[in-house]
Amino acid sequence: MFRWQARSIQRSPQFVLLAMGAVTLALLAGFLVRDQPEGPIDSTGIFLPTDSDLAEATDVIRESFPAAADLRGVQILAKGDVLTADALRTVNDLQTAITSDPEIAAFLVTNPSMATSN
C-alpha cells in the first residue's frame, strides 16, 4: 500500500524535504496571524463557547458576586477513620503546613469561610 510512497521518497528525497518545509512554513504563518484573545483568559472561557448557557450563567454569577469571583475551594480528603485523634492531628498539621507555605500564602483569603459536605 505504501510502496509507491517509499519509491517516491527514495527517488527524490529533496522534494520530500521541500514539501515538509513548505508545510512547516504554512503552519508557522498560520500561527503568527492568529487572533490574540482580548482581556484575561478565565478557566471557563477556554473550554466553553461564549454564547453557551453555562458560560452565560458563570458570567452572571461573577457579576452578582464580584468579591468571590476568583475564589477556589480546596478539599482535603483523608482515608480511614478520620475521627481519631491521630487522624485529626494529621489533617490539622497538613492544613497548617499548606497555609504557612510562602508560595501559597499569596493566594489565601484573609477571611476564609468553612464549608462541610455530607
N, C-alpha and C. Protein backbone atom coordinates (compact mmCIF):
# COMPACT_ATOMS: atom_id res chain seq x y z
N MET A 1 0.82 -1.19 0.00
CA MET A 1 0.00 0.00 0.00
C MET A 1 0.87 1.27 0.00
N PHE A 2 1.93 1.25 0.77
CA PHE A 2 2.79 2.42 0.87
C PHE A 2 4.05 2.28 0.02
N ARG A 3 4.08 1.30 -0.84
CA ARG A 3 5.28 1.09 -1.66
C ARG A 3 5.52 2.24 -2.62
N TRP A 4 4.45 2.78 -3.21
CA TRP A 4 4.63 3.89 -4.15
C TRP A 4 5.17 5.13 -3.43
N GLN A 5 4.76 5.31 -2.15
CA GLN A 5 5.29 6.44 -1.39
C GLN A 5 6.76 6.22 -1.08
N ALA A 6 7.11 5.00 -0.72
CA ALA A 6 8.51 4.69 -0.42
C ALA A 6 9.38 4.90 -1.66
N ARG A 7 8.88 4.47 -2.82
CA ARG A 7 9.66 4.66 -4.06
C ARG A 7 9.80 6.15 -4.38
N SER A 8 8.72 6.92 -4.18
CA SER A 8 8.78 8.36 -4.45
C SER A 8 9.78 9.05 -3.54
N ILE A 9 9.80 8.66 -2.28
CA ILE A 9 10.73 9.26 -1.32
C ILE A 9 12.17 8.88 -1.67
N GLN A 10 12.37 7.64 -2.08
CA GLN A 10 13.73 7.21 -2.43
C GLN A 10 14.22 7.89 -3.69
N ARG A 11 13.30 8.14 -4.63
CA ARG A 11 13.70 8.78 -5.89
C ARG A 11 14.07 10.25 -5.70
N SER A 12 13.30 10.96 -4.86
CA SER A 12 13.56 12.40 -4.72
C SER A 12 13.37 12.84 -3.27
N PRO A 13 14.38 12.58 -2.42
CA PRO A 13 14.27 13.00 -1.02
C PRO A 13 14.27 14.53 -0.88
N GLN A 14 14.88 15.23 -1.85
CA GLN A 14 14.88 16.69 -1.78
C GLN A 14 13.45 17.24 -1.90
N PHE A 15 12.64 16.62 -2.77
CA PHE A 15 11.26 17.05 -2.92
C PHE A 15 10.48 16.85 -1.62
N VAL A 16 10.72 15.75 -0.91
CA VAL A 16 10.05 15.47 0.35
C VAL A 16 10.44 16.52 1.39
N LEU A 17 11.74 16.84 1.46
CA LEU A 17 12.18 17.86 2.40
C LEU A 17 11.61 19.23 2.05
N LEU A 18 11.52 19.54 0.75
CA LEU A 18 10.95 20.80 0.32
C LEU A 18 9.46 20.87 0.69
N ALA A 19 8.73 19.77 0.49
CA ALA A 19 7.30 19.74 0.84
C ALA A 19 7.11 19.88 2.35
N MET A 20 7.94 19.21 3.14
CA MET A 20 7.83 19.33 4.59
C MET A 20 8.17 20.76 5.03
N GLY A 21 9.14 21.38 4.40
CA GLY A 21 9.48 22.77 4.72
C GLY A 21 8.33 23.71 4.38
N ALA A 22 7.66 23.46 3.23
CA ALA A 22 6.53 24.30 2.84
C ALA A 22 5.38 24.15 3.83
N VAL A 23 5.11 22.94 4.27
CA VAL A 23 4.06 22.71 5.26
C VAL A 23 4.42 23.40 6.58
N THR A 24 5.67 23.29 6.98
CA THR A 24 6.11 23.94 8.21
C THR A 24 5.95 25.46 8.13
N LEU A 25 6.33 26.05 6.99
CA LEU A 25 6.17 27.50 6.82
C LEU A 25 4.70 27.91 6.82
N ALA A 26 3.84 27.10 6.20
CA ALA A 26 2.40 27.41 6.19
C ALA A 26 1.84 27.36 7.61
N LEU A 27 2.23 26.36 8.39
CA LEU A 27 1.75 26.27 9.77
C LEU A 27 2.30 27.43 10.61
N LEU A 28 3.53 27.80 10.38
CA LEU A 28 4.12 28.92 11.11
C LEU A 28 3.41 30.23 10.76
N ALA A 29 3.09 30.41 9.48
CA ALA A 29 2.37 31.62 9.07
C ALA A 29 0.98 31.66 9.72
N GLY A 30 0.31 30.54 9.78
CA GLY A 30 -0.99 30.49 10.45
C GLY A 30 -0.88 30.78 11.93
N PHE A 31 0.18 30.32 12.54
CA PHE A 31 0.40 30.59 13.96
C PHE A 31 0.64 32.07 14.21
N LEU A 32 1.36 32.72 13.32
CA LEU A 32 1.71 34.13 13.51
C LEU A 32 0.54 35.08 13.28
N VAL A 33 -0.43 34.68 12.46
CA VAL A 33 -1.56 35.58 12.17
C VAL A 33 -2.82 35.24 12.96
N ARG A 34 -2.74 34.37 13.91
CA ARG A 34 -3.92 34.01 14.69
C ARG A 34 -4.35 35.18 15.56
N ASP A 35 -5.62 35.21 15.92
CA ASP A 35 -6.14 36.28 16.76
C ASP A 35 -5.74 36.05 18.20
N GLN A 36 -5.25 37.10 18.82
CA GLN A 36 -4.91 37.03 20.24
C GLN A 36 -6.18 37.27 21.05
N PRO A 37 -6.37 36.52 22.15
CA PRO A 37 -7.57 36.74 22.97
C PRO A 37 -7.55 38.12 23.60
N GLU A 38 -8.74 38.70 23.70
CA GLU A 38 -8.85 40.01 24.32
C GLU A 38 -9.08 39.85 25.81
N GLY A 39 -8.35 40.59 26.61
CA GLY A 39 -8.53 40.55 28.05
C GLY A 39 -7.97 39.27 28.66
N PRO A 40 -8.20 39.11 29.96
CA PRO A 40 -7.69 37.92 30.64
C PRO A 40 -8.48 36.67 30.24
N ILE A 41 -7.80 35.55 30.27
CA ILE A 41 -8.44 34.28 29.94
C ILE A 41 -8.87 33.62 31.24
N ASP A 42 -10.14 33.30 31.34
CA ASP A 42 -10.61 32.62 32.55
C ASP A 42 -10.73 31.12 32.27
N SER A 43 -10.94 30.36 33.31
CA SER A 43 -10.93 28.90 33.16
C SER A 43 -12.11 28.39 32.35
N THR A 44 -13.27 29.05 32.40
CA THR A 44 -14.40 28.58 31.61
C THR A 44 -14.32 29.06 30.17
N GLY A 45 -13.72 30.23 29.96
CA GLY A 45 -13.61 30.76 28.61
C GLY A 45 -12.76 29.91 27.70
N ILE A 46 -11.87 29.14 28.26
CA ILE A 46 -11.01 28.28 27.46
C ILE A 46 -11.80 27.10 26.90
N PHE A 47 -12.75 26.56 27.70
CA PHE A 47 -13.42 25.33 27.34
C PHE A 47 -14.85 25.50 26.84
N LEU A 48 -15.45 26.65 27.07
CA LEU A 48 -16.86 26.86 26.71
C LEU A 48 -16.99 27.91 25.62
N PRO A 49 -17.95 27.70 24.70
CA PRO A 49 -18.25 28.77 23.76
C PRO A 49 -18.85 29.96 24.50
N THR A 50 -18.59 31.18 24.06
CA THR A 50 -19.04 32.36 24.79
C THR A 50 -20.56 32.49 24.82
N ASP A 51 -21.25 31.89 23.87
CA ASP A 51 -22.71 32.02 23.84
C ASP A 51 -23.43 30.83 24.48
N SER A 52 -22.71 29.94 25.15
CA SER A 52 -23.36 28.79 25.77
C SER A 52 -24.08 29.21 27.06
N ASP A 53 -25.08 28.43 27.45
CA ASP A 53 -25.84 28.74 28.66
C ASP A 53 -24.95 28.71 29.90
N LEU A 54 -24.04 27.73 29.98
CA LEU A 54 -23.17 27.62 31.14
C LEU A 54 -22.22 28.82 31.25
N ALA A 55 -21.68 29.27 30.12
CA ALA A 55 -20.79 30.43 30.15
C ALA A 55 -21.55 31.69 30.56
N GLU A 56 -22.78 31.84 30.07
CA GLU A 56 -23.58 33.00 30.46
C GLU A 56 -23.94 32.95 31.94
N ALA A 57 -24.29 31.76 32.46
CA ALA A 57 -24.60 31.62 33.88
C ALA A 57 -23.38 31.93 34.73
N THR A 58 -22.22 31.49 34.31
CA THR A 58 -20.99 31.78 35.04
C THR A 58 -20.72 33.28 35.08
N ASP A 59 -20.95 33.95 33.96
CA ASP A 59 -20.76 35.41 33.93
C ASP A 59 -21.73 36.12 34.86
N VAL A 60 -22.98 35.66 34.90
CA VAL A 60 -23.97 36.27 35.79
C VAL A 60 -23.56 36.09 37.25
N ILE A 61 -23.07 34.91 37.60
CA ILE A 61 -22.63 34.65 38.97
C ILE A 61 -21.44 35.54 39.32
N ARG A 62 -20.50 35.69 38.41
CA ARG A 62 -19.33 36.54 38.66
C ARG A 62 -19.74 38.00 38.83
N GLU A 63 -20.72 38.44 38.05
CA GLU A 63 -21.18 39.82 38.18
C GLU A 63 -21.97 40.03 39.47
N SER A 64 -22.71 39.01 39.90
CA SER A 64 -23.53 39.12 41.12
C SER A 64 -22.68 39.07 42.38
N PHE A 65 -21.59 38.32 42.33
CA PHE A 65 -20.74 38.15 43.50
C PHE A 65 -19.29 38.48 43.13
N PRO A 66 -18.97 39.75 42.91
CA PRO A 66 -17.62 40.10 42.45
C PRO A 66 -16.53 39.79 43.46
N ALA A 67 -16.84 39.82 44.75
CA ALA A 67 -15.81 39.54 45.76
C ALA A 67 -15.40 38.07 45.74
N ALA A 68 -16.29 37.20 45.28
CA ALA A 68 -15.99 35.77 45.27
C ALA A 68 -15.70 35.25 43.87
N ALA A 69 -15.48 36.14 42.91
CA ALA A 69 -15.31 35.71 41.53
C ALA A 69 -14.07 34.86 41.32
N ASP A 70 -13.00 35.13 42.05
CA ASP A 70 -11.76 34.40 41.83
C ASP A 70 -11.42 33.43 42.95
N LEU A 71 -12.38 33.10 43.80
CA LEU A 71 -12.12 32.17 44.89
C LEU A 71 -12.14 30.73 44.39
N ARG A 72 -11.28 29.92 44.95
CA ARG A 72 -11.23 28.50 44.63
C ARG A 72 -11.33 27.71 45.92
N GLY A 73 -12.16 26.71 45.94
CA GLY A 73 -12.28 25.87 47.12
C GLY A 73 -11.31 24.71 47.07
N VAL A 74 -10.78 24.34 48.20
CA VAL A 74 -9.84 23.22 48.27
C VAL A 74 -10.35 22.25 49.31
N GLN A 75 -10.35 20.98 48.97
CA GLN A 75 -10.78 19.95 49.90
C GLN A 75 -9.61 19.05 50.24
N ILE A 76 -9.51 18.70 51.51
CA ILE A 76 -8.51 17.74 51.95
C ILE A 76 -9.25 16.44 52.25
N LEU A 77 -8.89 15.39 51.56
CA LEU A 77 -9.55 14.10 51.76
C LEU A 77 -8.63 13.19 52.55
N ALA A 78 -9.21 12.52 53.54
CA ALA A 78 -8.44 11.58 54.36
C ALA A 78 -9.10 10.21 54.29
N LYS A 79 -8.30 9.17 54.28
CA LYS A 79 -8.81 7.80 54.24
C LYS A 79 -8.86 7.23 55.64
N GLY A 80 -9.69 6.24 55.79
CA GLY A 80 -9.75 5.54 57.08
C GLY A 80 -10.63 6.27 58.08
N ASP A 81 -10.41 6.00 59.35
CA ASP A 81 -11.19 6.60 60.42
C ASP A 81 -10.64 8.00 60.70
N VAL A 82 -11.33 9.02 60.22
CA VAL A 82 -10.83 10.39 60.33
C VAL A 82 -11.19 11.03 61.66
N LEU A 83 -11.93 10.34 62.50
CA LEU A 83 -12.32 10.92 63.77
C LEU A 83 -11.40 10.54 64.92
N THR A 84 -10.35 9.82 64.64
CA THR A 84 -9.39 9.51 65.69
C THR A 84 -8.50 10.71 65.93
N ALA A 85 -7.89 10.76 67.10
CA ALA A 85 -7.03 11.89 67.44
C ALA A 85 -5.84 12.00 66.48
N ASP A 86 -5.27 10.86 66.10
CA ASP A 86 -4.12 10.89 65.18
C ASP A 86 -4.52 11.42 63.80
N ALA A 87 -5.67 11.00 63.32
CA ALA A 87 -6.12 11.46 62.01
C ALA A 87 -6.40 12.95 62.04
N LEU A 88 -7.05 13.43 63.09
CA LEU A 88 -7.33 14.86 63.20
C LEU A 88 -6.05 15.68 63.31
N ARG A 89 -5.06 15.16 64.06
CA ARG A 89 -3.77 15.84 64.15
C ARG A 89 -3.09 15.89 62.78
N THR A 90 -3.17 14.79 62.04
CA THR A 90 -2.55 14.73 60.71
C THR A 90 -3.18 15.75 59.77
N VAL A 91 -4.51 15.82 59.77
CA VAL A 91 -5.20 16.78 58.90
C VAL A 91 -4.88 18.20 59.33
N ASN A 92 -4.85 18.45 60.64
CA ASN A 92 -4.52 19.78 61.14
C ASN A 92 -3.09 20.17 60.77
N ASP A 93 -2.15 19.23 60.91
CA ASP A 93 -0.76 19.51 60.54
C ASP A 93 -0.63 19.78 59.04
N LEU A 94 -1.38 19.04 58.23
CA LEU A 94 -1.35 19.24 56.78
C LEU A 94 -1.92 20.62 56.43
N GLN A 95 -3.02 20.97 57.05
CA GLN A 95 -3.61 22.28 56.80
C GLN A 95 -2.66 23.40 57.22
N THR A 96 -2.03 23.24 58.37
CA THR A 96 -1.07 24.25 58.84
C THR A 96 0.11 24.35 57.89
N ALA A 97 0.61 23.21 57.43
CA ALA A 97 1.76 23.23 56.51
C ALA A 97 1.38 23.90 55.19
N ILE A 98 0.18 23.66 54.70
CA ILE A 98 -0.24 24.26 53.43
C ILE A 98 -0.40 25.76 53.58
N THR A 99 -1.09 26.19 54.63
CA THR A 99 -1.36 27.62 54.79
C THR A 99 -0.12 28.43 55.17
N SER A 100 0.89 27.79 55.74
CA SER A 100 2.10 28.52 56.11
C SER A 100 3.15 28.54 55.01
N ASP A 101 2.90 27.84 53.92
CA ASP A 101 3.83 27.84 52.80
C ASP A 101 3.82 29.22 52.13
N PRO A 102 4.99 29.88 52.00
CA PRO A 102 5.01 31.24 51.44
C PRO A 102 4.53 31.31 49.99
N GLU A 103 4.69 30.26 49.23
CA GLU A 103 4.24 30.27 47.84
C GLU A 103 2.71 30.21 47.75
N ILE A 104 2.07 29.64 48.75
CA ILE A 104 0.62 29.51 48.75
C ILE A 104 -0.03 30.67 49.48
N ALA A 105 0.65 31.28 50.41
CA ALA A 105 0.08 32.33 51.25
C ALA A 105 -0.48 33.49 50.42
N ALA A 106 0.11 33.76 49.28
CA ALA A 106 -0.36 34.87 48.45
C ALA A 106 -1.74 34.61 47.87
N PHE A 107 -2.14 33.35 47.81
CA PHE A 107 -3.43 33.01 47.21
C PHE A 107 -4.52 32.78 48.25
N LEU A 108 -4.21 32.85 49.50
CA LEU A 108 -5.19 32.58 50.55
C LEU A 108 -6.07 33.78 50.81
N VAL A 109 -7.29 33.51 51.19
CA VAL A 109 -8.25 34.56 51.52
C VAL A 109 -8.03 34.96 52.96
N THR A 110 -8.16 36.25 53.24
CA THR A 110 -7.90 36.71 54.61
C THR A 110 -9.00 36.30 55.57
N ASN A 111 -10.24 36.16 55.10
CA ASN A 111 -11.35 35.76 55.96
C ASN A 111 -12.02 34.53 55.35
N PRO A 112 -11.45 33.34 55.51
CA PRO A 112 -12.00 32.17 54.83
C PRO A 112 -13.31 31.73 55.47
N SER A 113 -14.15 31.16 54.66
CA SER A 113 -15.37 30.57 55.19
C SER A 113 -15.23 29.05 55.13
N MET A 114 -15.69 28.38 56.12
CA MET A 114 -15.57 26.92 56.21
C MET A 114 -16.87 26.30 55.72
N ALA A 115 -16.79 25.27 54.96
CA ALA A 115 -17.99 24.57 54.49
C ALA A 115 -17.73 23.08 54.60
N THR A 116 -18.74 22.33 54.94
CA THR A 116 -18.62 20.89 55.02
C THR A 116 -19.66 20.27 54.13
N SER A 117 -19.39 19.10 53.66
CA SER A 117 -20.36 18.37 52.85
C SER A 117 -20.53 16.98 53.43
N ASN A 118 -21.70 16.47 53.31
CA ASN A 118 -22.00 15.13 53.83
C ASN A 118 -21.98 14.11 52.74
